[in-house]
């Protein structure tokens, strides 16, 4: 039996928020970087739109749990291909596809109303 999308257990929401908090650390000052770099902002907007589309965001509201699930899948696939997060500040002058996608997920998470 599936749980309706608006009836997620509180511990699941807490777990999802925790995963998104870890993401915030991984993208560092990315939100500041998009404010300072119009080209990066455009890339993040494109990636955010692609994430919304892939999650059916035009049919169902995005939630913390949905974004956290997407994030988990993204990081699992990246890890299987040998990707590891970098320690320290992120160089936003020439980010790779994955880093932009992670920032887009973070950007979307920040748009969600707190529950």
C-alpha atoms as a PDB file:
ATOM      1  CA  UNK A   1       0.000   0.000   0.000  1.00  0.00           C
ATOM      2  CA  UNK A   2       1.363   3.398  -0.938  1.00  0.00           C
ATOM      3  CA  UNK A   3       1.199   6.315   1.441  1.00  0.00           C
ATOM      4  CA  UNK A   4      -0.397   9.409  -0.097  1.00  0.00           C
ATOM      5  CA  UNK A   5       2.219  12.010  -1.000  1.00  0.00           C
ATOM      6  CA  UNK A   6       0.912  14.395   1.640  1.00  0.00           C
ATOM      7  CA  UNK A   7       1.048  11.786   4.430  1.00  0.00           C
ATOM      8  CA  UNK A   8       4.724  11.081   4.970  1.00  0.00           C
ATOM      9  CA  UNK A   9       5.836   9.950   8.416  1.00  0.00           C
ATOM     10  CA  UNK A  10       7.535  12.697  10.454  1.00  0.00           C
ATOM     11  CA  UNK A  11      10.760  10.661  10.799  1.00  0.00           C
ATOM     12  CA  UNK A  12      10.929  10.331   7.023  1.00  0.00           C
ATOM     13  CA  UNK A  13      10.639  14.089   6.664  1.00  0.00           C
ATOM     14  CA  UNK A  14      13.371  14.562   9.276  1.00  0.00           C
ATOM     15  CA  UNK A  15      15.587  12.105   7.413  1.00  0.00           C
ATOM     16  CA  UNK A  16      14.936  13.907   4.134  1.00  0.00           C
ATOM     17  CA  UNK A  17      15.737  17.276   5.700  1.00  0.00           C
ATOM     18  CA  UNK A  18      18.955  15.800   7.066  1.00  0.00           C
ATOM     19  CA  UNK A  19      19.977  14.598   3.598  1.00  0.00           C
ATOM     20  CA  UNK A  20      19.264  18.024   2.145  1.00  0.00           C
ATOM     21  CA  UNK A  21      21.266  19.659   4.947  1.00  0.00           C
ATOM     22  CA  UNK A  22      24.253  17.509   3.978  1.00  0.00           C
ATOM     23  CA  UNK A  23      23.711  18.676   0.393  1.00  0.00           C
ATOM     24  CA  UNK A  24      23.871  22.286   1.562  1.00  0.00           C
ATOM     25  CA  UNK A  25      27.333  21.584   2.938  1.00  0.00           C
ATOM     26  CA  UNK A  26      28.401  19.904  -0.305  1.00  0.00           C
ATOM     27  CA  UNK A  27      27.485  22.882  -2.470  1.00  0.00           C
ATOM     28  CA  UNK A  28      28.990  25.383  -0.063  1.00  0.00           C
ATOM     29  CA  UNK A  29      28.578  28.935  -1.237  1.00  0.00           C
ATOM     30  CA  UNK A  30      26.793  27.940  -4.435  1.00  0.00           C
ATOM     31  CA  UNK A  31      23.796  30.175  -3.823  1.00  0.00           C
ATOM     32  CA  UNK A  32      26.116  33.152  -3.448  1.00  0.00           C
ATOM     33  CA  UNK A  33      27.968  32.076  -6.588  1.00  0.00           C
ATOM     34  CA  UNK A  34      24.796  32.033  -8.691  1.00  0.00           C
ATOM     35  CA  UNK A  35      23.998  35.553  -7.505  1.00  0.00           C
ATOM     36  CA  UNK A  36      27.438  36.691  -8.658  1.00  0.00           C
ATOM     37  CA  UNK A  37      27.633  34.670 -11.892  1.00  0.00           C
ATOM     38  CA  UNK A  38      24.727  35.070 -14.352  1.00  0.00           C
ATOM     39  CA  UNK A  39      25.991  32.196 -16.504  1.00  0.00           C
ATOM     40  CA  UNK A  40      26.018  29.824 -13.536  1.00  0.00           C
ATOM     41  CA  UNK A  41      22.572  31.036 -12.537  1.00  0.00           C
ATOM     42  CA  UNK A  42      21.266  30.194 -16.009  1.00  0.00           C
ATOM     43  CA  UNK A  43      22.785  26.698 -15.815  1.00  0.00           C
ATOM     44  CA  UNK A  44      21.275  26.096 -12.377  1.00  0.00           C
ATOM     45  CA  UNK A  45      17.867  27.275 -13.630  1.00  0.00           C
ATOM     46  CA  UNK A  46      18.078  24.822 -16.545  1.00  0.00           C
ATOM     47  CA  UNK A  47      19.050  21.966 -14.240  1.00  0.00           C
ATOM     48  CA  UNK A  48      16.322  22.890 -11.739  1.00  0.00           C
ATOM     49  CA  UNK A  49      13.753  22.785 -14.554  1.00  0.00           C
ATOM     50  CA  UNK A  50      15.045  19.370 -15.646  1.00  0.00           C
ATOM     51  CA  UNK A  51      14.829  18.047 -12.083  1.00  0.00           C
ATOM     52  CA  UNK A  52      11.274  19.404 -11.717  1.00  0.00           C
ATOM     53  CA  UNK A  53      10.301  17.788 -15.027  1.00  0.00           C
ATOM     54  CA  UNK A  54      11.836  14.431 -14.121  1.00  0.00           C
ATOM     55  CA  UNK A  55       9.963  14.430 -10.805  1.00  0.00           C
ATOM     56  CA  UNK A  56       6.649  15.422 -12.374  1.00  0.00           C
ATOM     57  CA  UNK A  57       6.749  18.789 -10.636  1.00  0.00           C
ATOM     58  CA  UNK A  58       4.087  20.154 -12.964  1.00  0.00           C
ATOM     59  CA  UNK A  59       1.685  17.385 -11.862  1.00  0.00           C
ATOM     60  CA  UNK A  60       2.636  16.892  -8.205  1.00  0.00           C
ATOM     61  CA  UNK A  61       4.113  19.329  -5.731  1.00  0.00           C
ATOM     62  CA  UNK A  62       7.780  18.893  -4.944  1.00  0.00           C
ATOM     63  CA  UNK A  63       8.401  17.887  -1.363  1.00  0.00           C
ATOM     64  CA  UNK A  64      11.430  17.510   0.860  1.00  0.00           C
ATOM     65  CA  UNK A  65      11.055  13.725   0.658  1.00  0.00           C
ATOM     66  CA  UNK A  66      10.855  13.698  -3.151  1.00  0.00           C
ATOM     67  CA  UNK A  67      13.944  15.902  -3.519  1.00  0.00           C
ATOM     68  CA  UNK A  68      15.860  13.842  -0.956  1.00  0.00           C
ATOM     69  CA  UNK A  69      15.011  10.662  -2.868  1.00  0.00           C
ATOM     70  CA  UNK A  70      16.206  12.230  -6.102  1.00  0.00           C
ATOM     71  CA  UNK A  71      19.375  13.369  -4.356  1.00  0.00           C
ATOM     72  CA  UNK A  72      20.033   9.875  -3.013  1.00  0.00           C
ATOM     73  CA  UNK A  73      19.705   8.359  -6.479  1.00  0.00           C
ATOM     74  CA  UNK A  74      21.925  11.022  -8.002  1.00  0.00           C
ATOM     75  CA  UNK A  75      24.667  10.541  -5.418  1.00  0.00           C
ATOM     76  CA  UNK A  76      24.465   6.752  -5.626  1.00  0.00           C
ATOM     77  CA  UNK A  77      24.916   6.831  -9.403  1.00  0.00           C
ATOM     78  CA  UNK A  78      27.776   9.321  -9.090  1.00  0.00           C
ATOM     79  CA  UNK A  79      29.491   7.248  -6.411  1.00  0.00           C
ATOM     80  CA  UNK A  80      29.240   4.126  -8.575  1.00  0.00           C
ATOM     81  CA  UNK A  81      31.121   6.062 -11.260  1.00  0.00           C
ATOM     82  CA  UNK A  82      33.879   7.024  -8.832  1.00  0.00           C
ATOM     83  CA  UNK A  83      32.751  10.534  -7.914  1.00  0.00           C
ATOM     84  CA  UNK A  84      33.701  11.762  -4.469  1.00  0.00           C
ATOM     85  CA  UNK A  85      32.803  15.112  -2.934  1.00  0.00           C
ATOM     86  CA  UNK A  86      35.661  17.553  -2.641  1.00  0.00           C
ATOM     87  CA  UNK A  87      36.660  18.837   0.755  1.00  0.00           C
ATOM     88  CA  UNK A  88      36.903  22.576   1.130  1.00  0.00           C
ATOM     89  CA  UNK A  89      35.495  25.377  -0.995  1.00  0.00           C
ATOM     90  CA  UNK A  90      33.947  24.632  -4.365  1.00  0.00           C
ATOM     91  CA  UNK A  91      35.375  26.351  -7.439  1.00  0.00           C
ATOM     92  CA  UNK A  92      32.240  27.661  -9.141  1.00  0.00           C
ATOM     93  CA  UNK A  93      34.167  29.168 -12.072  1.00  0.00           C
ATOM     94  CA  UNK A  94      33.981  25.867 -14.009  1.00  0.00           C
ATOM     95  CA  UNK A  95      31.730  23.351 -12.194  1.00  0.00           C
ATOM     96  CA  UNK A  96      31.025  19.920 -13.645  1.00  0.00           C
ATOM     97  CA  UNK A  97      27.546  18.651 -14.555  1.00  0.00           C
ATOM     98  CA  UNK A  98      27.051  16.881 -11.243  1.00  0.00           C
ATOM     99  CA  UNK A  99      28.010  19.889  -9.133  1.00  0.00           C
ATOM    100  CA  UNK A 100      25.530  22.044 -11.076  1.00  0.00           C
ATOM    101  CA  UNK A 101      22.822  19.394 -10.628  1.00  0.00           C
ATOM    102  CA  UNK A 102      23.496  19.223  -6.882  1.00  0.00           C
ATOM    103  CA  UNK A 103      23.255  22.993  -6.656  1.00  0.00           C
ATOM    104  CA  UNK A 104      19.972  22.880  -8.591  1.00  0.00           C
ATOM    105  CA  UNK A 105      18.532  20.371  -6.104  1.00  0.00           C
ATOM    106  CA  UNK A 106      19.668  22.605  -3.247  1.00  0.00           C
ATOM    107  CA  UNK A 107      18.153  25.624  -5.000  1.00  0.00           C
ATOM    108  CA  UNK A 108      14.825  23.798  -5.380  1.00  0.00           C
ATOM    109  CA  UNK A 109      14.874  22.645  -1.752  1.00  0.00           C
ATOM    110  CA  UNK A 110      15.283  26.242  -0.634  1.00  0.00           C
ATOM    111  CA  UNK A 111      12.084  27.174  -2.518  1.00  0.00           C
ATOM    112  CA  UNK A 112       9.944  24.718  -0.560  1.00  0.00           C
ATOM    113  CA  UNK A 113       7.763  26.059   2.198  1.00  0.00           C
ATOM    114  CA  UNK A 114       8.871  24.790   5.610  1.00  0.00           C
ATOM    115  CA  UNK A 115       6.620  22.019   6.910  1.00  0.00           C
END
